[in-house]
């Protein structure tokens, strides 16, 4: 009997590696939990700071903001899942059903910009969890952030799978006119059936492509992030995805190989066994080939693309397809304007207010 819940990515809710919980359920209690389809809860939290620094040499940005912790999109492969372990929650179902919203994000951002010595450089929103996940429709935290970016002329990059981004097209278009924003849309598959089990609460590929076309038509620089590439699951879609995005206004393209840090590994293997029992062993064999014999090689320069003949073949196919389609490798981060930034209070002082 299938164990997965409709509309959820993880098959189970295993404890995280820092769990302090000692509750042991009996057989009847375990059966009740197994049968339940947990509802999503949103918890407002007050963040002490909102900008995170990054020193990873293989990540194309050094500053980021994540308005939410946890993500209802439920992508089984999400490398942010282990962060829920620090909250003594499961990186499995808890990650996609217990969402924490940083409701004071815009205020914390302005406070950071007001500090003496702040140096303007592009900030990425959505590096870990999606800023346009379902919670954003009511919370509007991402929109409040974009209003500050526009008001103070600060460059921003967004990464999302959510078509809710079109709600903020007015702000993005205004930012783009001043070379202050870019958008990377994540699209790992064109298959509706694969999407439903791999990223269950994400809009269909057709909807994301339509959003890409609208953003491009409004003058917003758009790139595609084909992430992750999963051996024997979606690796055959490299060329069709790139052809589709090139036809819908994308200018640049980038990919990331499947990453399986910490608790993501057992969750992914469990998902494979549930949905692809016929090829689970083959998938993991290819994953190990790209990891030098390990399920995951976390070293910089390797974790994003893998290594070895199989990983090199994927890189060559991606490179060939992007060249053929006129897509530039990478994203738009280095093309944004950092010279027009006005710190909070700066404009008012300049006007004599």
Protein backbone atom coordinates (compact mmCIF):
# COMPACT_ATOMS: atom_id res chain seq x y z
CA UNK A 1 0.00 0.00 0.00
CA UNK A 2 1.34 3.47 -0.90
CA UNK A 3 2.65 5.41 2.08
CA UNK A 4 2.84 8.84 0.53
CA UNK A 5 0.32 11.59 1.26
CA UNK A 6 -1.40 13.39 -1.57
CA UNK A 7 0.18 16.80 -2.07
CA UNK A 8 3.23 16.01 0.08
CA UNK A 9 6.76 15.24 -1.01
CA UNK A 10 8.26 13.37 1.96
CA UNK A 11 7.01 9.88 2.66
CA UNK A 12 7.52 10.14 6.43
CA UNK A 13 8.47 12.42 9.30
CA UNK A 14 11.74 11.03 10.72
CA UNK A 15 13.45 12.84 13.56
CA UNK A 16 16.24 15.24 12.70
CA UNK A 17 19.83 14.60 13.69
CA UNK A 18 19.57 16.95 16.70
CA UNK A 19 16.26 15.60 17.96
CA UNK A 20 15.66 15.81 21.69
CA UNK A 21 12.33 14.03 21.50
CA UNK A 22 12.10 10.74 23.37
CA UNK A 23 8.46 9.81 22.68
CA UNK A 24 8.02 6.24 21.42
CA UNK A 25 4.66 5.45 19.79
CA UNK A 26 2.96 2.09 20.08
CA UNK A 27 1.70 0.26 16.97
CA UNK A 28 -1.77 1.83 17.05
CA UNK A 29 -0.38 5.34 17.46
CA UNK A 30 2.07 4.82 14.61
CA UNK A 31 -0.77 3.62 12.36
CA UNK A 32 -2.83 6.74 13.21
CA UNK A 33 0.09 9.04 12.41
CA UNK A 34 0.76 7.14 9.18
CA UNK A 35 -2.85 7.55 8.04
CA UNK A 36 -3.02 11.26 8.84
CA UNK A 37 -2.45 13.89 6.19
CA UNK A 38 -1.08 16.78 8.26
CA UNK A 39 -2.40 20.27 7.61
CA UNK A 40 -0.03 23.17 7.08
CA UNK A 41 0.54 25.59 9.94
CA UNK A 42 2.06 29.08 9.69
CA UNK A 43 3.90 30.49 12.69
CA UNK A 44 4.92 34.17 12.74
CA UNK A 45 8.42 34.70 14.11
CA UNK A 46 10.45 37.82 14.81
CA UNK A 47 13.88 37.66 13.20
CA UNK A 48 16.87 39.26 14.94
CA UNK A 49 18.56 39.78 11.58
CA UNK A 50 17.46 39.03 8.04
CA UNK A 51 20.54 39.13 5.78
CA UNK A 52 22.65 35.97 5.74
CA UNK A 53 26.26 35.94 4.54
CA UNK A 54 27.66 33.24 2.30
CA UNK A 55 31.31 32.38 1.69
CA UNK A 56 30.82 29.31 -0.50
CA UNK A 57 32.97 29.77 -3.62
CA UNK A 58 30.56 27.75 -5.78
CA UNK A 59 27.49 29.88 -4.94
CA UNK A 60 27.10 33.00 -7.14
CA UNK A 61 26.05 35.38 -4.37
CA UNK A 62 27.36 36.40 -0.98
CA UNK A 63 24.21 37.83 0.66
CA UNK A 64 20.75 36.28 0.88
CA UNK A 65 17.35 36.59 2.55
CA UNK A 66 14.91 33.79 3.30
CA UNK A 67 11.52 35.19 4.37
CA UNK A 68 10.33 31.71 5.40
CA UNK A 69 11.77 28.69 7.16
CA UNK A 70 10.25 25.51 5.84
CA UNK A 71 8.53 25.29 2.48
CA UNK A 72 5.07 24.04 1.59
CA UNK A 73 6.14 23.26 -1.96
CA UNK A 74 7.37 19.96 -0.55
CA UNK A 75 10.19 19.28 -3.03
CA UNK A 76 11.67 15.97 -1.92
CA UNK A 77 15.19 16.96 -2.95
CA UNK A 78 15.29 20.30 -1.11
CA UNK A 79 18.70 20.79 0.52
CA UNK A 80 17.13 23.20 3.06
CA UNK A 81 15.21 20.39 4.78
CA UNK A 82 17.93 19.69 7.39
CA UNK A 83 17.47 23.21 8.81
CA UNK A 84 14.27 22.02 10.51
CA UNK A 85 16.40 19.72 12.65
CA UNK A 86 17.68 22.80 14.51
CA UNK A 87 14.07 23.46 15.54
CA UNK A 88 13.71 19.87 16.82
CA UNK A 89 11.33 19.21 13.94
CA UNK A 90 11.42 16.61 11.22
CA UNK A 91 13.14 17.49 7.93
CA UNK A 92 10.48 15.27 6.38
CA UNK A 93 6.81 16.16 6.66
CA UNK A 94 7.39 18.84 9.31
CA UNK A 95 9.54 20.82 6.87
CA UNK A 96 6.65 21.12 4.43
CA UNK A 97 3.81 21.46 6.96
CA UNK A 98 5.27 23.64 9.72
CA UNK A 99 6.19 26.97 8.12
CA UNK A 100 7.78 29.85 10.03
CA UNK A 101 7.24 33.34 8.60
CA UNK A 102 9.66 36.17 9.40
CA UNK A 103 7.04 38.87 9.63
CA UNK A 104 9.47 41.65 10.56
CA UNK A 105 11.78 40.95 7.60
CA UNK A 106 11.30 44.34 5.90
CA UNK A 107 12.03 46.24 9.13
CA UNK A 108 15.15 44.16 9.79
CA UNK A 109 16.32 44.80 6.25
CA UNK A 110 16.07 48.57 6.62
CA UNK A 111 17.88 48.31 9.96
CA UNK A 112 20.74 46.44 8.28
CA UNK A 113 20.95 49.02 5.51
CA UNK A 114 21.05 51.84 8.09
CA UNK A 115 24.18 50.55 9.79
CA UNK A 116 27.35 52.60 9.25
CA UNK A 117 29.65 50.99 6.76
CA UNK A 118 26.99 48.94 4.98
CA UNK A 119 28.29 48.14 1.48
CA UNK A 120 25.71 47.63 -1.26
CA UNK A 121 25.88 44.41 -3.27
CA UNK A 122 23.08 42.28 -4.78
CA UNK A 123 21.01 40.30 -2.29
CA UNK A 124 19.36 37.03 -3.31
CA UNK A 125 15.89 36.20 -2.00
CA UNK A 126 14.98 32.52 -2.00
CA UNK A 127 18.34 30.76 -1.74
CA UNK A 128 16.95 28.13 0.67
CA UNK A 129 13.16 28.23 0.76
CA UNK A 130 10.82 29.66 -1.84
CA UNK A 131 9.81 33.30 -1.27
CA UNK A 132 6.64 32.67 -3.31
CA UNK A 133 5.43 29.53 -1.59
CA UNK A 134 1.68 29.47 -0.72
CA UNK A 135 2.17 31.32 2.61
CA UNK A 136 3.27 34.44 0.72
CA UNK A 137 -0.21 34.95 -0.71
CA UNK A 138 -1.44 36.02 2.72
CA UNK A 139 1.78 37.03 4.46
CA UNK A 140 3.14 39.33 1.69
CA UNK A 141 6.58 39.36 3.29
CA UNK A 142 8.39 39.08 -0.03
CA UNK A 143 6.37 41.94 -1.47
CA UNK A 144 7.20 44.13 1.53
CA UNK A 145 10.88 43.37 0.97
CA UNK A 146 10.68 44.26 -2.73
CA UNK A 147 9.01 47.56 -1.86
CA UNK A 148 12.09 48.40 0.26
CA UNK A 149 14.46 47.33 -2.50
CA UNK A 150 12.71 49.66 -4.93
CA UNK A 151 12.42 52.54 -2.46
CA UNK A 152 16.14 52.44 -1.66
CA UNK A 153 17.33 51.40 -5.13
CA UNK A 154 19.08 48.27 -3.91
CA UNK A 155 19.76 45.38 -6.35
CA UNK A 156 17.98 42.08 -5.71
CA UNK A 157 17.88 38.63 -7.27
CA UNK A 158 14.98 36.25 -6.78
CA UNK A 159 14.93 32.46 -7.07
CA UNK A 160 11.50 30.81 -7.17
CA UNK A 161 9.26 28.11 -8.57
CA UNK A 162 6.13 30.09 -7.68
CA UNK A 163 3.96 31.82 -10.27
CA UNK A 164 2.75 34.08 -7.46
CA UNK A 165 5.74 36.21 -8.45
CA UNK A 166 3.51 37.73 -11.16
CA UNK A 167 1.55 39.48 -8.40
CA UNK A 168 4.64 41.63 -7.89
CA UNK A 169 5.26 42.34 -11.56
CA UNK A 170 4.70 46.06 -10.96
CA UNK A 171 7.63 46.19 -8.52
CA UNK A 172 9.86 43.92 -10.59
CA UNK A 173 9.28 45.92 -13.75
CA UNK A 174 10.15 49.16 -11.93
CA UNK A 175 13.28 47.57 -10.47
CA UNK A 176 14.31 46.13 -13.83
CA UNK A 177 14.11 49.54 -15.50
CA UNK A 178 16.86 50.65 -13.12
CA UNK A 179 18.92 47.44 -13.51
CA UNK A 180 18.05 46.46 -9.96
CA UNK A 181 16.60 42.95 -10.26
CA UNK A 182 16.77 39.57 -11.94
CA UNK A 183 14.69 36.42 -11.57
CA UNK A 184 15.78 32.78 -11.75
CA UNK A 185 12.89 30.37 -12.25
CA UNK A 186 13.58 26.81 -11.14
CA UNK A 187 12.32 24.18 -13.61
CA UNK A 188 13.63 20.62 -13.20
CA UNK A 189 10.94 18.85 -15.24
CA UNK A 190 8.31 19.44 -17.90
CA UNK A 191 6.41 16.33 -16.81
CA UNK A 192 3.23 16.94 -14.82
CA UNK A 193 3.24 13.40 -13.44
CA UNK A 194 6.82 13.68 -12.17
CA UNK A 195 6.18 17.16 -10.77
CA UNK A 196 3.21 15.89 -8.74
CA UNK A 197 5.36 13.50 -6.74
CA UNK A 198 8.72 15.32 -6.81
CA UNK A 199 7.56 18.89 -6.04
CA UNK A 200 3.87 18.39 -5.23
CA UNK A 201 2.71 21.93 -4.40
CA UNK A 202 4.64 23.74 -7.10
CA UNK A 203 2.84 25.19 -10.15
CA UNK A 204 2.95 23.12 -13.33
CA UNK A 205 5.78 23.64 -15.80
CA UNK A 206 3.38 25.25 -18.28
CA UNK A 207 2.44 27.87 -15.65
CA UNK A 208 6.09 28.59 -14.84
CA UNK A 209 6.93 28.96 -18.53
CA UNK A 210 4.02 31.37 -18.95
CA UNK A 211 5.29 33.37 -15.97
CA UNK A 212 8.75 33.44 -17.52
CA UNK A 213 7.31 34.87 -20.73
CA UNK A 214 5.42 37.58 -18.83
CA UNK A 215 8.47 38.57 -16.82
CA UNK A 216 10.64 38.74 -19.93
CA UNK A 217 8.01 40.78 -21.77
CA UNK A 218 8.06 43.27 -18.88
CA UNK A 219 11.81 43.69 -19.25
CA UNK A 220 12.79 41.61 -16.21
CA UNK A 221 15.99 39.59 -16.85
CA UNK A 222 15.02 35.92 -16.50
CA UNK A 223 17.18 32.83 -16.23
CA UNK A 224 16.32 29.19 -15.69
CA UNK A 225 17.71 27.01 -12.94
CA UNK A 226 17.45 23.36 -13.96
CA UNK A 227 17.75 22.01 -10.46
CA UNK A 228 18.30 19.40 -9.49
CA UNK A 229 19.35 17.05 -12.24
CA UNK A 230 18.55 13.57 -10.93
CA UNK A 231 20.08 10.53 -12.63
CA UNK A 232 17.56 8.34 -14.47
CA UNK A 233 14.69 10.56 -13.26
CA UNK A 234 14.89 13.87 -15.12
CA UNK A 235 18.35 13.90 -16.72
CA UNK A 236 16.79 13.07 -20.11
CA UNK A 237 14.94 16.41 -20.00
CA UNK A 238 17.96 18.75 -20.26
CA UNK A 239 17.46 19.61 -23.92
CA UNK A 240 13.62 19.86 -23.88
CA UNK A 241 13.69 22.14 -20.81
CA UNK A 242 16.30 24.44 -22.32
CA UNK A 243 14.41 24.59 -25.62
CA UNK A 244 11.21 25.50 -23.77
CA UNK A 245 12.75 28.27 -21.67
CA UNK A 246 14.62 29.74 -24.64
CA UNK A 247 11.25 29.97 -26.38
CA UNK A 248 9.72 31.72 -23.34
CA UNK A 249 12.21 34.54 -22.83
CA UNK A 250 15.02 33.12 -20.69
CA UNK A 251 18.42 34.63 -21.44
CA UNK A 252 20.62 32.51 -19.20
CA UNK A 253 20.66 28.95 -17.86
CA UNK A 254 22.30 27.11 -15.00
CA UNK A 255 21.95 23.64 -13.48
CA UNK A 256 22.70 21.91 -10.19
CA UNK A 257 23.25 18.21 -9.69
CA UNK A 258 21.22 16.45 -7.00
CA UNK A 259 22.49 17.30 -3.51
CA UNK A 260 21.79 14.93 -0.62
CA UNK A 261 23.14 16.50 2.60
CA UNK A 262 22.31 15.08 6.03
CA UNK A 263 18.68 13.98 6.33
CA UNK A 264 17.90 14.62 2.67
CA UNK A 265 19.66 11.38 1.74
CA UNK A 266 17.42 8.92 3.65
CA UNK A 267 14.31 10.96 2.73
CA UNK A 268 15.23 10.82 -0.96
CA UNK A 269 16.01 7.08 -0.86
CA UNK A 270 12.69 6.46 0.88
CA UNK A 271 10.93 8.52 -1.83
CA UNK A 272 12.72 6.56 -4.56
CA UNK A 273 11.70 3.24 -3.06
CA UNK A 274 8.09 4.44 -2.85
CA UNK A 275 7.73 5.93 -6.33
CA UNK A 276 10.45 4.30 -8.46
CA UNK A 277 11.17 0.86 -6.96
CA UNK A 278 12.09 -0.47 -10.41
CA UNK A 279 15.04 1.91 -10.81
CA UNK A 280 15.93 3.08 -7.28
CA UNK A 281 19.14 1.04 -7.24
CA UNK A 282 20.20 2.37 -10.64
CA UNK A 283 19.52 5.97 -9.61
CA UNK A 284 21.65 5.69 -6.49
CA UNK A 285 24.41 3.91 -8.42
CA UNK A 286 24.65 6.90 -10.77
CA UNK A 287 24.53 9.28 -7.81
CA UNK A 288 27.51 7.47 -6.28
CA UNK A 289 29.35 7.59 -9.60
CA UNK A 290 28.97 11.38 -9.61
CA UNK A 291 30.05 11.52 -5.96
CA UNK A 292 33.27 9.57 -6.27
CA UNK A 293 31.72 6.52 -4.62
CA UNK A 294 29.71 8.49 -2.04
CA UNK A 295 26.03 9.37 -2.04
CA UNK A 296 27.04 13.00 -1.56
CA UNK A 297 30.35 14.80 -1.90
CA UNK A 298 29.91 18.12 -0.09
CA UNK A 299 33.19 19.67 -1.18
CA UNK A 300 33.09 23.05 -2.90
CA UNK A 301 33.44 22.76 -6.66
CA UNK A 302 31.98 19.24 -6.66
CA UNK A 303 28.66 19.37 -4.78
CA UNK A 304 26.92 21.47 -7.46
CA UNK A 305 27.89 19.48 -10.57
CA UNK A 306 29.36 16.19 -9.37
CA UNK A 307 32.44 14.56 -10.92
CA UNK A 308 33.42 11.63 -13.07
CA UNK A 309 32.28 10.46 -16.54
CA UNK A 310 28.54 10.60 -15.88
CA UNK A 311 28.66 14.13 -14.40
CA UNK A 312 30.94 15.25 -17.24
CA UNK A 313 28.42 13.91 -19.78
CA UNK A 314 25.63 15.96 -18.17
CA UNK A 315 27.82 19.07 -18.21
CA UNK A 316 28.68 18.54 -21.89
CA UNK A 317 25.03 18.08 -22.85
CA UNK A 318 24.03 21.21 -20.96
CA UNK A 319 26.86 23.22 -22.47
CA UNK A 320 26.04 22.07 -26.00
CA UNK A 321 22.33 22.81 -25.64
CA UNK A 322 22.84 26.29 -24.20
CA UNK A 323 25.22 27.22 -26.99
CA UNK A 324 22.83 25.94 -29.64
CA UNK A 325 19.94 27.91 -28.15
CA UNK A 326 21.86 31.11 -27.47
CA UNK A 327 21.51 30.83 -23.71
CA UNK A 328 24.34 32.26 -21.63
CA UNK A 329 25.62 30.01 -18.81
CA UNK A 330 25.00 31.32 -15.29
CA UNK A 331 22.69 34.04 -13.98
CA UNK A 332 22.38 37.85 -13.98
CA UNK A 333 23.84 38.74 -10.58
CA UNK A 334 26.91 40.54 -11.92
CA UNK A 335 24.92 42.89 -14.18
CA UNK A 336 22.93 44.76 -11.55
CA UNK A 337 23.57 48.36 -10.51
CA UNK A 338 25.03 48.87 -7.05
CA UNK A 339 25.77 52.57 -7.46
CA UNK A 340 22.27 54.03 -6.94
CA UNK A 341 21.60 52.66 -3.45
CA UNK A 342 20.24 55.18 -0.95
CA UNK A 343 20.40 54.08 2.67
CA UNK A 344 17.29 54.68 4.81
CA UNK A 345 17.16 58.37 5.68
CA UNK A 346 19.74 59.34 3.08
CA UNK A 347 17.29 60.70 0.52
CA UNK A 348 15.27 62.56 3.12
CA UNK A 349 18.43 64.24 4.43
CA UNK A 350 19.47 65.14 0.92
CA UNK A 351 16.11 66.81 0.31
CA UNK A 352 16.37 68.73 3.55
CA UNK A 353 13.56 66.85 5.32
